[in-house]
Amino acid sequence: KKEKASVDYLDTPNHRRHPSLEFKLSIIRCCIEEEDIKPASEETGHSRESIYLWRRKYVIGGATALTN
């Protein structure tokens, strides 16, 4: 059984709440290929809602829409 990523609630630019564009794109690519967001969510510790939001932004506005 996989362990979930630890959660750190600090809100800094390097915190997981502010993932890089490259990180978001890698998750989106994975979800497009596998068509399932749940495994990516469990592996990375990011909520499915966040990943769905990133994917929706990407589909509408491309990579530029994913920048913080």
PDB file of N, CA and C in Angstrom:
ATOM      1  N   LYS A   1       0.847  -1.185   0.000  1.00  0.00           N
ATOM      2  CA  LYS A   1       0.000   0.000   0.000  1.00  0.00           C
ATOM      3  C   LYS A   1       0.888   1.241   0.000  1.00  0.00           C
ATOM      4  N   LYS A   2       0.536   2.205  -0.866  1.00  0.00           N
ATOM      5  CA  LYS A   2       1.315   3.438  -0.951  1.00  0.00           C
ATOM      6  C   LYS A   2       0.974   4.360   0.201  1.00  0.00           C
ATOM      7  N   GLU A   3       2.011   5.051   0.694  1.00  0.00           N
ATOM      8  CA  GLU A   3       1.775   6.063   1.719  1.00  0.00           C
ATOM      9  C   GLU A   3       1.424   7.368   1.035  1.00  0.00           C
ATOM     10  N   LYS A   4       0.513   8.098   1.640  1.00  0.00           N
ATOM     11  CA  LYS A   4       0.172   9.412   1.104  1.00  0.00           C
ATOM     12  C   LYS A   4       1.294  10.388   1.406  1.00  0.00           C
ATOM     13  N   ALA A   5       1.425  11.383   0.554  1.00  0.00           N
ATOM     14  CA  ALA A   5       2.426  12.414   0.778  1.00  0.00           C
ATOM     15  C   ALA A   5       2.109  13.150   2.071  1.00  0.00           C
ATOM     16  N   SER A   6       3.147  13.523   2.786  1.00  0.00           N
ATOM     17  CA  SER A   6       2.908  14.264   4.018  1.00  0.00           C
ATOM     18  C   SER A   6       2.366  15.646   3.685  1.00  0.00           C
ATOM     19  N   VAL A   7       1.547  16.156   4.544  1.00  0.00           N
ATOM     20  CA  VAL A   7       0.925  17.452   4.305  1.00  0.00           C
ATOM     21  C   VAL A   7       1.593  18.498   5.172  1.00  0.00           C
ATOM     22  N   ASP A   8       2.034  19.567   4.530  1.00  0.00           N
ATOM     23  CA  ASP A   8       2.643  20.689   5.210  1.00  0.00           C
ATOM     24  C   ASP A   8       1.800  21.901   4.863  1.00  0.00           C
ATOM     25  N   TYR A   9       1.263  22.571   5.864  1.00  0.00           N
ATOM     26  CA  TYR A   9       0.325  23.648   5.606  1.00  0.00           C
ATOM     27  C   TYR A   9       0.966  25.023   5.501  1.00  0.00           C
ATOM     28  N   LEU A  10       2.290  25.093   5.417  1.00  0.00           N
ATOM     29  CA  LEU A  10       2.948  26.374   5.209  1.00  0.00           C
ATOM     30  C   LEU A  10       2.614  26.873   3.814  1.00  0.00           C
ATOM     31  N   ASP A  11       2.430  28.165   3.676  1.00  0.00           N
ATOM     32  CA  ASP A  11       2.057  28.734   2.391  1.00  0.00           C
ATOM     33  C   ASP A  11       3.199  29.589   1.861  1.00  0.00           C
ATOM     34  N   THR A  12       4.211  28.926   1.324  1.00  0.00           N
ATOM     35  CA  THR A  12       5.372  29.616   0.782  1.00  0.00           C
ATOM     36  C   THR A  12       5.524  29.226  -0.686  1.00  0.00           C
ATOM     37  N   PRO A  13       6.273  29.991  -1.468  1.00  0.00           N
ATOM     38  CA  PRO A  13       6.427  29.664  -2.896  1.00  0.00           C
ATOM     39  C   PRO A  13       6.978  28.262  -3.162  1.00  0.00           C
ATOM     40  N   ASN A  14       7.771  27.714  -2.247  1.00  0.00           N
ATOM     41  CA  ASN A  14       8.324  26.375  -2.458  1.00  0.00           C
ATOM     42  C   ASN A  14       7.447  25.265  -1.909  1.00  0.00           C
ATOM     43  N   HIS A  15       6.356  25.605  -1.298  1.00  0.00           N
ATOM     44  CA  HIS A  15       5.465  24.619  -0.697  1.00  0.00           C
ATOM     45  C   HIS A  15       4.651  23.914  -1.767  1.00  0.00           C
ATOM     46  N   ARG A  16       4.214  22.728  -1.472  1.00  0.00           N
ATOM     47  CA  ARG A  16       3.441  21.951  -2.424  1.00  0.00           C
ATOM     48  C   ARG A  16       2.133  22.617  -2.819  1.00  0.00           C
ATOM     49  N   ARG A  17       1.687  23.613  -2.065  1.00  0.00           N
ATOM     50  CA  ARG A  17       0.477  24.328  -2.449  1.00  0.00           C
ATOM     51  C   ARG A  17       0.748  25.260  -3.618  1.00  0.00           C
ATOM     52  N   HIS A  18       2.017  25.392  -3.978  1.00  0.00           N
ATOM     53  CA  HIS A  18       2.425  26.215  -5.112  1.00  0.00           C
ATOM     54  C   HIS A  18       3.298  25.387  -6.047  1.00  0.00           C
ATOM     55  N   PRO A  19       2.740  24.343  -6.641  1.00  0.00           N
ATOM     56  CA  PRO A  19       3.563  23.498  -7.506  1.00  0.00           C
ATOM     57  C   PRO A  19       3.997  24.247  -8.763  1.00  0.00           C
ATOM     58  N   SER A  20       5.119  23.838  -9.299  1.00  0.00           N
ATOM     59  CA  SER A  20       5.652  24.472 -10.499  1.00  0.00           C
ATOM     60  C   SER A  20       4.808  24.119 -11.713  1.00  0.00           C
ATOM     61  N   LEU A  21       4.978  24.890 -12.756  1.00  0.00           N
ATOM     62  CA  LEU A  21       4.290  24.626 -14.015  1.00  0.00           C
ATOM     63  C   LEU A  21       4.671  23.242 -14.530  1.00  0.00           C
ATOM     64  N   GLU A  22       5.938  22.897 -14.450  1.00  0.00           N
ATOM     65  CA  GLU A  22       6.406  21.593 -14.922  1.00  0.00           C
ATOM     66  C   GLU A  22       5.725  20.456 -14.157  1.00  0.00           C
ATOM     67  N   PHE A  23       5.569  20.635 -12.852  1.00  0.00           N
ATOM     68  CA  PHE A  23       4.920  19.619 -12.024  1.00  0.00           C
ATOM     69  C   PHE A  23       3.461  19.446 -12.449  1.00  0.00           C
ATOM     70  N   LYS A  24       2.750  20.568 -12.620  1.00  0.00           N
ATOM     71  CA  LYS A  24       1.345  20.513 -13.029  1.00  0.00           C
ATOM     72  C   LYS A  24       1.206  19.839 -14.390  1.00  0.00           C
ATOM     73  N   LEU A  25       2.082  20.203 -15.323  1.00  0.00           N
ATOM     74  CA  LEU A  25       2.018  19.609 -16.659  1.00  0.00           C
ATOM     75  C   LEU A  25       2.283  18.110 -16.619  1.00  0.00           C
ATOM     76  N   SER A  26       3.207  17.680 -15.767  1.00  0.00           N
ATOM     77  CA  SER A  26       3.493  16.240 -15.679  1.00  0.00           C
ATOM     78  C   SER A  26       2.285  15.478 -15.144  1.00  0.00           C
ATOM     79  N   ILE A  27       1.582  16.052 -14.183  1.00  0.00           N
ATOM     80  CA  ILE A  27       0.382  15.399 -13.653  1.00  0.00           C
ATOM     81  C   ILE A  27      -0.718  15.377 -14.711  1.00  0.00           C
ATOM     82  N   ILE A  28      -0.894  16.482 -15.427  1.00  0.00           N
ATOM     83  CA  ILE A  28      -1.917  16.542 -16.467  1.00  0.00           C
ATOM     84  C   ILE A  28      -1.630  15.504 -17.546  1.00  0.00           C
ATOM     85  N   ARG A  29      -0.381  15.396 -17.977  1.00  0.00           N
ATOM     86  CA  ARG A  29      -0.014  14.394 -18.991  1.00  0.00           C
ATOM     87  C   ARG A  29      -0.339  12.993 -18.495  1.00  0.00           C
ATOM     88  N   CYS A  30       0.001  12.715 -17.263  1.00  0.00           N
ATOM     89  CA  CYS A  30      -0.269  11.401 -16.672  1.00  0.00           C
ATOM     90  C   CYS A  30      -1.770  11.116 -16.665  1.00  0.00           C
ATOM     91  N   CYS A  31      -2.559  12.100 -16.282  1.00  0.00           N
ATOM     92  CA  CYS A  31      -4.007  11.913 -16.199  1.00  0.00           C
ATOM     93  C   CYS A  31      -4.642  11.768 -17.569  1.00  0.00           C
ATOM     94  N   ILE A  32      -4.097  12.435 -18.566  1.00  0.00           N
ATOM     95  CA  ILE A  32      -4.616  12.301 -19.925  1.00  0.00           C
ATOM     96  C   ILE A  32      -4.312  10.904 -20.454  1.00  0.00           C
ATOM     97  N   GLU A  33      -3.113  10.409 -20.183  1.00  0.00           N
ATOM     98  CA  GLU A  33      -2.724   9.087 -20.659  1.00  0.00           C
ATOM     99  C   GLU A  33      -3.515   7.984 -19.967  1.00  0.00           C
ATOM    100  N   GLU A  34      -3.697   8.097 -18.667  1.00  0.00           N
ATOM    101  CA  GLU A  34      -4.366   7.042 -17.911  1.00  0.00           C
ATOM    102  C   GLU A  34      -5.857   7.297 -17.715  1.00  0.00           C
ATOM    103  N   GLU A  35      -6.291   8.516 -17.974  1.00  0.00           N
ATOM    104  CA  GLU A  35      -7.679   8.919 -17.845  1.00  0.00           C
ATOM    105  C   GLU A  35      -8.246   8.686 -16.435  1.00  0.00           C
ATOM    106  N   ASP A  36      -7.384   8.744 -15.430  1.00  0.00           N
ATOM    107  CA  ASP A  36      -7.834   8.576 -14.055  1.00  0.00           C
ATOM    108  C   ASP A  36      -7.019   9.500 -13.159  1.00  0.00           C
ATOM    109  N   ILE A  37      -7.690  10.349 -12.438  1.00  0.00           N
ATOM    110  CA  ILE A  37      -7.016  11.349 -11.615  1.00  0.00           C
ATOM    111  C   ILE A  37      -6.726  10.826 -10.208  1.00  0.00           C
ATOM    112  N   LYS A  38      -7.492   9.879  -9.737  1.00  0.00           N
ATOM    113  CA  LYS A  38      -7.342   9.402  -8.360  1.00  0.00           C
ATOM    114  C   LYS A  38      -5.927   8.910  -8.040  1.00  0.00           C
ATOM    115  N   PRO A  39      -5.297   8.080  -8.882  1.00  0.00           N
ATOM    116  CA  PRO A  39      -3.936   7.638  -8.548  1.00  0.00           C
ATOM    117  C   PRO A  39      -2.941   8.796  -8.459  1.00  0.00           C
ATOM    118  N   ALA A  40      -3.050   9.759  -9.370  1.00  0.00           N
ATOM    119  CA  ALA A  40      -2.144  10.913  -9.331  1.00  0.00           C
ATOM    120  C   ALA A  40      -2.360  11.715  -8.060  1.00  0.00           C
ATOM    121  N   SER A  41      -3.605  11.833  -7.653  1.00  0.00           N
ATOM    122  CA  SER A  41      -3.937  12.560  -6.431  1.00  0.00           C
ATOM    123  C   SER A  41      -3.339  11.865  -5.209  1.00  0.00           C
ATOM    124  N   GLU A  42      -3.513  10.568  -5.150  1.00  0.00           N
ATOM    125  CA  GLU A  42      -2.994   9.817  -4.003  1.00  0.00           C
ATOM    126  C   GLU A  42      -1.469   9.824  -3.966  1.00  0.00           C
ATOM    127  N   GLU A  43      -0.845   9.741  -5.121  1.00  0.00           N
ATOM    128  CA  GLU A  43       0.613   9.686  -5.180  1.00  0.00           C
ATOM    129  C   GLU A  43       1.249  11.022  -4.816  1.00  0.00           C
ATOM    130  N   THR A  44       0.651  12.115  -5.251  1.00  0.00           N
ATOM    131  CA  THR A  44       1.261  13.428  -5.042  1.00  0.00           C
ATOM    132  C   THR A  44       0.767  14.155  -3.804  1.00  0.00           C
ATOM    133  N   GLY A  45      -0.393  13.756  -3.292  1.00  0.00           N
ATOM    134  CA  GLY A  45      -0.954  14.444  -2.137  1.00  0.00           C
ATOM    135  C   GLY A  45      -1.776  15.672  -2.514  1.00  0.00           C
ATOM    136  N   HIS A  46      -1.935  15.922  -3.803  1.00  0.00           N
ATOM    137  CA  HIS A  46      -2.780  17.031  -4.257  1.00  0.00           C
ATOM    138  C   HIS A  46      -4.199  16.504  -4.429  1.00  0.00           C
ATOM    139  N   SER A  47      -5.168  17.330  -4.103  1.00  0.00           N
ATOM    140  CA  SER A  47      -6.559  16.891  -4.182  1.00  0.00           C
ATOM    141  C   SER A  47      -6.979  16.671  -5.631  1.00  0.00           C
ATOM    142  N   ARG A  48      -7.968  15.800  -5.803  1.00  0.00           N
ATOM    143  CA  ARG A  48      -8.510  15.585  -7.138  1.00  0.00           C
ATOM    144  C   ARG A  48      -9.108  16.875  -7.677  1.00  0.00           C
ATOM    145  N   GLU A  49      -9.689  17.677  -6.791  1.00  0.00           N
ATOM    146  CA  GLU A  49     -10.279  18.946  -7.215  1.00  0.00           C
ATOM    147  C   GLU A  49      -9.216  19.857  -7.820  1.00  0.00           C
ATOM    148  N   SER A  50      -8.040  19.920  -7.191  1.00  0.00           N
ATOM    149  CA  SER A  50      -6.952  20.744  -7.728  1.00  0.00           C
ATOM    150  C   SER A  50      -6.514  20.245  -9.099  1.00  0.00           C
ATOM    151  N   ILE A  51      -6.383  18.945  -9.219  1.00  0.00           N
ATOM    152  CA  ILE A  51      -5.934  18.375 -10.492  1.00  0.00           C
ATOM    153  C   ILE A  51      -6.979  18.591 -11.583  1.00  0.00           C
ATOM    154  N   TYR A  52      -8.258  18.430 -11.242  1.00  0.00           N
ATOM    155  CA  TYR A  52      -9.310  18.719 -12.220  1.00  0.00           C
ATOM    156  C   TYR A  52      -9.250  20.190 -12.647  1.00  0.00           C
ATOM    157  N   LEU A  53      -9.013  21.084 -11.699  1.00  0.00           N
ATOM    158  CA  LEU A  53      -8.913  22.506 -12.002  1.00  0.00           C
ATOM    159  C   LEU A  53      -7.731  22.779 -12.934  1.00  0.00           C
ATOM    160  N   TRP A  54      -6.574  22.191 -12.637  1.00  0.00           N
ATOM    161  CA  TRP A  54      -5.401  22.377 -13.493  1.00  0.00           C
ATOM    162  C   TRP A  54      -5.703  21.877 -14.901  1.00  0.00           C
ATOM    163  N   ARG A  55      -6.330  20.709 -14.993  1.00  0.00           N
ATOM    164  CA  ARG A  55      -6.635  20.140 -16.312  1.00  0.00           C
ATOM    165  C   ARG A  55      -7.595  21.037 -17.080  1.00  0.00           C
ATOM    166  N   ARG A  56      -8.626  21.533 -16.405  1.00  0.00           N
ATOM    167  CA  ARG A  56      -9.604  22.417 -17.046  1.00  0.00           C
ATOM    168  C   ARG A  56      -8.923  23.699 -17.534  1.00  0.00           C
ATOM    169  N   LYS A  57      -8.078  24.301 -16.686  1.00  0.00           N
ATOM    170  CA  LYS A  57      -7.354  25.509 -17.080  1.00  0.00           C
ATOM    171  C   LYS A  57      -6.462  25.231 -18.284  1.00  0.00           C
ATOM    172  N   TYR A  58      -5.795  24.083 -18.277  1.00  0.00           N
ATOM    173  CA  TYR A  58      -4.899  23.720 -19.372  1.00  0.00           C
ATOM    174  C   TYR A  58      -5.685  23.560 -20.676  1.00  0.00           C
ATOM    175  N   VAL A  59      -6.811  22.885 -20.624  1.00  0.00           N
ATOM    176  CA  VAL A  59      -7.615  22.667 -21.825  1.00  0.00           C
ATOM    177  C   VAL A  59      -8.108  24.005 -22.388  1.00  0.00           C
ATOM    178  N   ILE A  60      -8.488  24.910 -21.511  1.00  0.00           N
ATOM    179  CA  ILE A  60      -9.031  26.208 -21.946  1.00  0.00           C
ATOM    180  C   ILE A  60      -7.926  27.158 -22.394  1.00  0.00           C
ATOM    181  N   GLY A  61      -6.839  27.260 -21.614  1.00  0.00           N
ATOM    182  CA  GLY A  61      -5.852  28.298 -21.890  1.00  0.00           C
ATOM    183  C   GLY A  61      -4.430  27.839 -22.090  1.00  0.00           C
ATOM    184  N   GLY A  62      -4.205  26.537 -22.134  1.00  0.00           N
ATOM    185  CA  GLY A  62      -2.849  26.036 -22.327  1.00  0.00           C
ATOM    186  C   GLY A  62      -1.975  26.216 -21.090  1.00  0.00           C
ATOM    187  N   ALA A  63      -0.690  26.008 -21.256  1.00  0.00           N
ATOM    188  CA  ALA A  63       0.251  26.049 -20.139  1.00  0.00           C
ATOM    189  C   ALA A  63       0.260  27.418 -19.456  1.00  0.00           C
ATOM    190  N   THR A  64       0.041  28.472 -20.218  1.00  0.00           N
ATOM    191  CA  THR A  64       0.049  29.822 -19.643  1.00  0.00           C
ATOM    192  C   THR A  64      -1.008  29.956 -18.551  1.00  0.00           C
ATOM    193  N   ALA A  65      -2.126  29.289 -18.708  1.00  0.00           N
ATOM    194  CA  ALA A  65      -3.215  29.385 -17.723  1.00  0.00           C
ATOM    195  C   ALA A  65      -2.853  28.724 -16.402  1.00  0.00           C
ATOM    196  N   LEU A  66      -1.812  27.918 -16.371  1.00  0.00           N
ATOM    197  CA  LEU A  66      -1.424  27.197 -15.159  1.00  0.00           C
ATOM    198  C   LEU A  66      -0.425  27.951 -14.291  1.00  0.00           C
ATOM    199  N   THR A  67       0.096  29.046 -14.776  1.00  0.00           N
ATOM    200  CA  THR A  67       1.092  29.770 -13.986  1.00  0.00           C
ATOM    201  C   THR A  67       0.421  30.472 -12.823  1.00  0.00           C
ATOM    202  N   ASN A  68       1.115  30.508 -11.702  1.00  0.00           N
ATOM    203  CA  ASN A  68       0.559  31.115 -10.479  1.00  0.00           C
ATOM    204  C   ASN A  68       0.558  32.620 -10.583  1.00  0.00           C
TER     205      ASN A  68
END
